[in-house]
Amino acid sequence: MARDFYGYGRWSAPYWFIGLEQGGTDNHRRAQAFKELQSDGLCDCKKFHIEIGVTDLHGENAKVQKTWGRLMMTLMSFLGTKENLLSYQREEWGMVNGKTCVIELSGLAAAGLHIEVDRRSYLAERIDFISRKLRENRPQLAVMYGFTRQNDFETIAGCGLVRGGVVENQGTLFVYTNHPTHRLLGNNDEAWRKLGLLARAGFNKIDSRSSLVEGLNRGISTIIAAEKHLALGSGELNRELWLSLASLLRSYTAVHGLHNGIEAAIDANPHRITAMNGARWLHLERQSSAVAWTRENGTSGVLELTDHGRLRSPEGEEEMDMAAEAWARELMQ
């Protein structure tokens, strides 16, 4: 079981959740259930827990499991569906016919990271197996949680990860966050919902590459640039885009600050935007479509707002939401 038990659901599911290890103590009983129920390293979550005698997750008196609850909040926010955590846990979470793959780096359960179990003997083999399954199935979303194992998660993702942020690689959105029960983020349900909204904005951007709805990839109100640029004068269009940039900075700094419990101060008017987080700051100043930016470390540059809601530099054009997210990530580190 330490080598071959990965978790619940199905590898072909569109939504993956990868943690450190399962909670629990009776690995002998779990091993017996795994032997009876497993297929390619996975079990049906409901059948597995019934088999080991755990009745408070799927029965009539079930309660939302704390870790799963926060992860389901993120998923439902990402999907834009009504939040019904208990029903989803009972009938869909980690089911073989469902849409989630809920797996762990370690095959053994433990009551906490302080409990000694064999977490290392098969780790490299398991990471390689999960990586191959991910490449074969390419889920839309993969939420990885636990800041103590960033290198392992990055090996699986095949790219660098951003703490509290979203990264896309080969069509999969990777959300990297702390554990749902961690004191900084775990007690804030709204933080997990906002994490799903951030992921949804990233998914809309990927989807828009083949979509007729071009404005989806800009989040918030920059859609007006694609839909109304013929009707707006250049001055009005630049003002609308400028307001959208300020909104994007507010949203992304809020999300990136959740993990540390900090907020940035955003001050905006029709010609200036200032974002501050302690000693870190970003100052933007607009003259018509020209945007001059300055950072606290003395770096600076000039960009141009385009009619399609992008920022143009000598190196090329970048979507405005991507530029805002990068600035916010640097400010909130």
Protein backbone atom coordinates (compact mmCIF):
# COMPACT_ATOMS: atom_id res chain seq x y z
CA MET A 1 0.00 0.00 0.00
CA ALA A 2 2.85 2.40 0.74
CA ARG A 3 3.88 2.15 -2.90
CA ASP A 4 0.63 1.59 -4.79
CA PHE A 5 -2.25 3.33 -2.96
CA TYR A 6 -2.67 6.82 -4.40
CA GLY A 7 -6.15 7.82 -3.34
CA TYR A 8 -9.66 8.08 -4.76
CA GLY A 9 -11.56 8.71 -7.98
CA ARG A 10 -10.26 8.16 -11.48
CA TRP A 11 -7.13 9.27 -13.31
CA SER A 12 -9.15 10.60 -16.24
CA ALA A 13 -11.08 13.02 -14.03
CA PRO A 14 -10.86 16.69 -15.06
CA TYR A 15 -10.20 17.99 -11.52
CA TRP A 16 -7.25 16.75 -9.45
CA PHE A 17 -6.35 17.40 -5.82
CA ILE A 18 -2.91 16.35 -4.60
CA GLY A 19 -1.98 16.46 -0.93
CA LEU A 20 0.74 15.08 1.32
CA GLU A 21 -0.92 12.09 2.95
CA GLN A 22 -4.25 10.77 4.19
CA GLY A 23 -5.29 11.29 7.76
CA GLY A 24 -5.89 8.19 9.83
CA THR A 25 -4.16 5.49 11.87
CA ASP A 26 -5.25 1.99 10.86
CA ASN A 27 -3.04 1.28 7.85
CA HIS A 28 -3.58 -2.49 8.17
CA ARG A 29 -7.32 -2.16 7.69
CA ARG A 30 -6.80 0.35 4.91
CA ALA A 31 -4.44 -2.05 3.14
CA GLN A 32 -7.08 -4.78 3.20
CA ALA A 33 -9.72 -2.44 1.76
CA PHE A 34 -7.30 -1.21 -0.89
CA LYS A 35 -6.57 -4.79 -1.98
CA GLU A 36 -10.28 -5.47 -2.36
CA LEU A 37 -11.31 -2.26 -4.12
CA GLN A 38 -8.38 -0.74 -5.97
CA SER A 39 -8.01 -0.25 -9.70
CA ASP A 40 -4.72 1.19 -10.97
CA GLY A 41 -3.92 2.59 -7.52
CA LEU A 42 -7.28 4.28 -6.90
CA CYS A 43 -10.42 3.37 -4.96
CA ASP A 44 -13.93 4.72 -4.84
CA CYS A 45 -13.89 7.09 -1.84
CA LYS A 46 -17.35 6.12 -0.56
CA LYS A 47 -16.87 2.36 -0.91
CA PHE A 48 -13.40 2.54 0.65
CA HIS A 49 -14.53 4.33 3.79
CA ILE A 50 -17.55 2.08 4.22
CA GLU A 51 -15.19 -0.89 3.91
CA ILE A 52 -12.93 0.38 6.70
CA GLY A 53 -15.90 1.22 8.94
CA VAL A 54 -15.85 5.03 8.65
CA THR A 55 -19.48 6.13 8.56
CA ASP A 56 -19.35 9.87 9.29
CA LEU A 57 -18.29 10.88 5.78
CA HIS A 58 -21.00 9.36 3.58
CA GLY A 59 -23.81 8.07 5.80
CA GLU A 60 -26.98 9.72 7.06
CA ASN A 61 -25.08 11.44 9.88
CA ALA A 62 -22.19 12.54 7.67
CA LYS A 63 -20.40 15.80 8.27
CA VAL A 64 -18.18 17.73 5.87
CA GLN A 65 -14.58 16.65 6.32
CA LYS A 66 -12.55 19.78 7.00
CA THR A 67 -9.78 19.33 4.43
CA TRP A 68 -12.13 18.13 1.71
CA GLY A 69 -14.60 20.91 2.51
CA ARG A 70 -12.13 23.71 1.71
CA LEU A 71 -10.99 21.93 -1.45
CA MET A 72 -14.60 21.51 -2.57
CA MET A 73 -15.18 25.23 -1.95
CA THR A 74 -12.38 25.99 -4.39
CA LEU A 75 -13.74 23.52 -6.94
CA MET A 76 -17.31 24.85 -6.79
CA SER A 77 -16.09 28.43 -7.03
CA PHE A 78 -13.98 27.41 -10.04
CA LEU A 79 -16.99 25.75 -11.67
CA GLY A 80 -19.37 28.55 -10.74
CA THR A 81 -21.86 26.08 -9.25
CA LYS A 82 -24.03 26.32 -6.14
CA GLU A 83 -22.12 25.27 -3.05
CA ASN A 84 -23.50 22.07 -1.52
CA LEU A 85 -20.50 20.53 0.20
CA LEU A 86 -22.12 17.66 2.08
CA SER A 87 -24.06 16.41 -0.91
CA TYR A 88 -20.97 16.60 -3.12
CA GLN A 89 -18.87 14.77 -0.53
CA ARG A 90 -21.45 12.00 -0.16
CA GLU A 91 -22.14 11.41 -3.84
CA GLU A 92 -19.28 12.72 -6.01
CA TRP A 93 -16.02 13.47 -4.19
CA GLY A 94 -13.40 10.87 -5.14
CA MET A 95 -15.92 8.54 -6.76
CA VAL A 96 -14.86 6.25 -9.60
CA ASN A 97 -17.66 7.62 -11.77
CA GLY A 98 -17.15 11.24 -10.66
CA LYS A 99 -15.08 14.15 -11.86
CA THR A 100 -12.36 14.29 -9.19
CA CYS A 101 -9.06 12.55 -8.60
CA VAL A 102 -8.06 12.95 -4.95
CA ILE A 103 -4.55 11.64 -4.34
CA GLU A 104 -1.56 11.92 -1.99
CA LEU A 105 2.23 11.95 -2.24
CA SER A 106 2.43 9.28 0.47
CA GLY A 107 0.54 5.99 0.35
CA LEU A 108 0.31 5.58 4.12
CA ALA A 109 -2.08 7.37 6.42
CA ALA A 110 -0.95 9.24 9.53
CA ALA A 111 -2.63 11.37 12.19
CA GLY A 112 -0.22 14.21 11.43
CA LEU A 113 3.15 15.01 9.87
CA HIS A 114 4.75 14.52 13.29
CA ILE A 115 3.76 10.83 13.27
CA GLU A 116 6.51 8.55 11.99
CA VAL A 117 5.50 6.49 8.95
CA ASP A 118 7.49 5.49 5.89
CA ARG A 119 7.05 8.50 3.62
CA ARG A 120 10.28 8.19 1.64
CA SER A 121 10.87 4.61 0.44
CA TYR A 122 8.64 4.87 -2.62
CA LEU A 123 8.39 8.65 -2.97
CA ALA A 124 10.44 9.00 -6.17
CA GLU A 125 8.53 6.12 -7.78
CA ARG A 126 5.20 7.61 -6.77
CA ILE A 127 6.09 11.08 -8.05
CA ASP A 128 7.10 9.59 -11.39
CA PHE A 129 3.86 7.59 -11.60
CA ILE A 130 1.68 10.61 -10.78
CA SER A 131 3.60 12.72 -13.31
CA ARG A 132 2.99 10.16 -16.05
CA LYS A 133 -0.69 9.91 -15.21
CA LEU A 134 -0.99 13.68 -15.32
CA ARG A 135 0.68 13.88 -18.74
CA GLU A 136 -1.56 11.10 -20.05
CA ASN A 137 -4.81 12.63 -18.82
CA ARG A 138 -4.17 16.38 -18.76
CA PRO A 139 -6.82 17.48 -16.23
CA GLN A 140 -8.21 20.97 -16.51
CA LEU A 141 -7.34 21.79 -12.89
CA ALA A 142 -4.81 20.39 -10.43
CA VAL A 143 -4.83 21.79 -6.89
CA MET A 144 -1.65 20.97 -4.96
CA TYR A 145 -1.54 21.76 -1.26
CA GLY A 146 1.27 21.76 1.29
CA PHE A 147 4.09 24.30 1.21
CA THR A 148 6.62 21.86 2.67
CA ARG A 149 6.83 19.83 -0.55
CA GLN A 150 7.07 22.42 -3.31
CA ASN A 151 9.93 20.65 -5.14
CA ASP A 152 7.92 17.42 -5.34
CA PHE A 153 4.84 19.21 -6.63
CA GLU A 154 6.87 21.10 -9.22
CA THR A 155 8.34 17.83 -10.47
CA ILE A 156 4.83 16.48 -10.95
CA ALA A 157 3.60 19.66 -12.65
CA GLY A 158 6.65 19.92 -14.89
CA CYS A 159 6.94 23.63 -14.16
CA GLY A 160 7.54 26.14 -11.40
CA LEU A 161 4.64 26.86 -9.06
CA VAL A 162 3.53 30.10 -7.42
CA ARG A 163 2.46 29.99 -3.78
CA GLY A 164 -1.13 31.12 -3.60
CA GLY A 165 -1.24 31.51 -7.37
CA VAL A 166 -2.14 29.82 -10.63
CA VAL A 167 0.24 28.54 -13.31
CA GLU A 168 -0.70 26.96 -16.63
CA ASN A 169 1.35 24.19 -18.24
CA GLN A 170 0.32 22.09 -21.22
CA GLY A 171 -3.35 22.95 -20.79
CA THR A 172 -3.56 22.19 -17.04
CA LEU A 173 -4.05 24.93 -14.46
CA PHE A 174 -1.94 24.28 -11.36
CA VAL A 175 -3.10 25.95 -8.17
CA TYR A 176 -0.52 25.76 -5.39
CA THR A 177 -1.66 26.55 -1.88
CA ASN A 178 -1.10 25.74 1.75
CA HIS A 179 -2.90 22.90 3.49
CA PRO A 180 -6.63 23.59 4.04
CA THR A 181 -6.21 23.28 7.82
CA HIS A 182 -3.16 25.55 8.07
CA ARG A 183 -3.76 28.39 10.50
CA LEU A 184 -3.02 31.19 7.99
CA LEU A 185 -5.47 30.13 5.29
CA GLY A 186 -7.37 27.13 6.55
CA ASN A 187 -9.71 29.05 8.87
CA ASN A 188 -10.77 31.46 6.12
CA ASP A 189 -13.45 29.82 3.96
CA GLU A 190 -13.69 32.86 1.73
CA ALA A 191 -10.01 32.52 0.85
CA TRP A 192 -10.69 29.09 -0.67
CA ARG A 193 -13.58 30.42 -2.70
CA LYS A 194 -11.44 33.27 -4.02
CA LEU A 195 -8.77 30.76 -4.96
CA GLY A 196 -11.34 29.06 -7.17
CA LEU A 197 -12.26 32.39 -8.77
CA LEU A 198 -8.60 33.04 -9.54
CA ALA A 199 -8.34 29.60 -11.15
CA ARG A 200 -11.51 30.22 -13.17
CA ALA A 201 -10.04 33.45 -14.52
CA GLY A 202 -6.99 31.48 -15.61
CA PHE A 203 -9.14 28.78 -17.22
CA ASN A 204 -11.17 31.36 -19.13
CA LYS A 205 -7.92 32.73 -20.50
CA ILE A 206 -6.84 29.30 -21.79
CA ASP A 207 -10.30 28.55 -23.17
CA SER A 208 -10.45 31.87 -24.97
CA ARG A 209 -7.59 30.85 -27.26
CA SER A 210 -10.12 28.79 -29.20
CA SER A 211 -13.20 30.77 -28.22
CA LEU A 212 -15.13 33.41 -30.10
CA VAL A 213 -15.60 35.28 -26.81
CA GLU A 214 -12.30 37.14 -26.83
CA GLY A 215 -13.04 39.24 -23.77
CA LEU A 216 -13.22 36.30 -21.36
CA ASN A 217 -9.45 36.20 -20.96
CA ARG A 218 -9.27 39.66 -19.49
CA GLY A 219 -11.32 39.21 -16.33
CA ILE A 220 -13.49 41.95 -14.83
CA SER A 221 -14.35 44.83 -17.20
CA THR A 222 -11.68 44.75 -19.91
CA ILE A 223 -14.19 42.92 -22.10
CA ILE A 224 -15.40 46.36 -23.20
CA ALA A 225 -12.21 46.89 -25.16
CA ALA A 226 -12.95 44.02 -27.54
CA GLU A 227 -16.69 44.63 -27.75
CA LYS A 228 -16.94 48.43 -27.85
CA HIS A 229 -13.67 49.84 -29.17
CA LEU A 230 -15.33 50.99 -32.39
CA ALA A 231 -17.98 52.89 -30.44
CA LEU A 232 -15.61 54.53 -27.99
CA GLY A 233 -13.29 57.39 -28.68
CA SER A 234 -9.64 56.70 -27.91
CA GLY A 235 -9.71 58.84 -24.79
CA GLU A 236 -12.77 57.10 -23.35
CA LEU A 237 -11.38 53.68 -24.22
CA ASN A 238 -8.09 54.43 -22.48
CA ARG A 239 -9.96 55.57 -19.35
CA GLU A 240 -12.02 52.35 -19.32
CA LEU A 241 -8.92 50.21 -19.70
CA TRP A 242 -7.16 52.18 -16.98
CA LEU A 243 -10.01 51.56 -14.53
CA SER A 244 -9.91 47.88 -15.43
CA LEU A 245 -6.18 47.74 -14.70
CA ALA A 246 -6.78 49.23 -11.24
CA SER A 247 -9.51 46.62 -10.58
CA LEU A 248 -7.24 43.80 -11.68
CA LEU A 249 -4.47 44.99 -9.36
CA ARG A 250 -6.94 45.11 -6.45
CA SER A 251 -8.15 41.57 -7.18
CA TYR A 252 -4.75 39.96 -7.67
CA THR A 253 -3.08 41.64 -4.69
CA ALA A 254 -6.03 40.49 -2.54
CA VAL A 255 -5.61 36.88 -3.66
CA HIS A 256 -1.82 36.83 -3.30
CA GLY A 257 -2.08 38.41 0.15
CA LEU A 258 -4.49 35.80 1.53
CA HIS A 259 -1.81 33.31 2.55
CA ASN A 260 0.04 35.84 4.68
CA GLY A 261 -3.04 37.70 5.90
CA ILE A 262 -1.92 40.99 4.34
CA GLU A 263 -3.57 43.53 2.07
CA ALA A 264 -2.12 46.02 -0.36
CA ALA A 265 -3.20 49.66 -0.40
CA ILE A 266 -4.43 50.59 -3.88
CA ASP A 267 -4.97 54.26 -4.71
CA ALA A 268 -6.29 55.08 -8.17
CA ASN A 269 -7.51 58.07 -10.14
CA PRO A 270 -7.95 58.63 -13.90
CA HIS A 271 -4.22 59.19 -14.40
CA ARG A 272 -2.37 57.51 -11.51
CA ILE A 273 -2.39 54.13 -9.76
CA THR A 274 -0.28 53.37 -6.70
CA ALA A 275 -0.12 49.93 -5.10
CA MET A 276 1.73 49.58 -1.79
CA ASN A 277 2.60 46.66 0.48
CA GLY A 278 4.97 47.80 3.19
CA ALA A 279 8.26 48.79 1.60
CA ARG A 280 7.20 47.43 -1.78
CA TRP A 281 5.30 49.71 -4.14
CA LEU A 282 4.32 50.17 -7.75
CA HIS A 283 3.49 53.54 -9.28
CA LEU A 284 1.73 53.84 -12.64
CA GLU A 285 1.06 57.10 -14.46
CA ARG A 286 -0.98 57.46 -17.64
CA GLN A 287 -0.82 60.07 -20.37
CA SER A 288 -3.36 59.14 -23.06
CA SER A 289 -2.41 55.54 -23.95
CA ALA A 290 1.15 55.74 -22.55
CA VAL A 291 1.72 54.13 -19.14
CA ALA A 292 4.91 54.88 -17.22
CA TRP A 293 5.68 52.47 -14.35
CA THR A 294 8.14 52.75 -11.47
CA ARG A 295 9.07 50.32 -8.70
CA GLU A 296 10.55 50.92 -5.25
CA ASN A 297 13.88 49.42 -6.40
CA GLY A 298 14.32 52.11 -9.05
CA THR A 299 13.32 50.03 -12.06
CA SER A 300 10.96 51.72 -14.49
CA GLY A 301 9.62 51.58 -18.01
CA VAL A 302 6.95 52.77 -20.40
CA LEU A 303 4.09 50.68 -21.80
CA GLU A 304 1.25 51.42 -24.18
CA LEU A 305 -2.42 50.54 -23.78
CA THR A 306 -3.71 48.93 -26.98
CA ASP A 307 -7.26 48.99 -28.33
CA HIS A 308 -7.59 45.30 -27.45
CA GLY A 309 -6.85 45.66 -23.74
CA ARG A 310 -3.18 44.67 -23.84
CA LEU A 311 0.01 46.38 -22.69
CA ARG A 312 2.62 46.86 -25.39
CA SER A 313 6.34 47.05 -24.62
CA PRO A 314 9.41 46.95 -26.89
CA GLU A 315 9.48 43.17 -26.31
CA GLY A 316 5.88 42.67 -27.50
CA GLU A 317 2.30 42.71 -26.18
CA GLU A 318 0.99 41.15 -22.97
CA GLU A 319 -2.56 40.65 -21.78
CA MET A 320 -3.36 43.27 -19.16
CA ASP A 321 -4.52 40.71 -16.58
CA MET A 322 -1.23 38.81 -16.90
CA ALA A 323 0.78 41.97 -16.30
CA ALA A 324 -1.40 42.86 -13.30
CA GLU A 325 -1.02 39.37 -11.83
CA ALA A 326 2.78 39.49 -12.20
CA TRP A 327 3.00 42.90 -10.53
CA ALA A 328 0.69 41.76 -7.71
CA ARG A 329 2.69 38.57 -7.13
CA GLU A 330 5.93 40.55 -6.79
CA LEU A 331 4.35 43.13 -4.49
CA MET A 332 2.82 40.56 -2.14
CA GLN A 333 5.86 38.27 -1.71
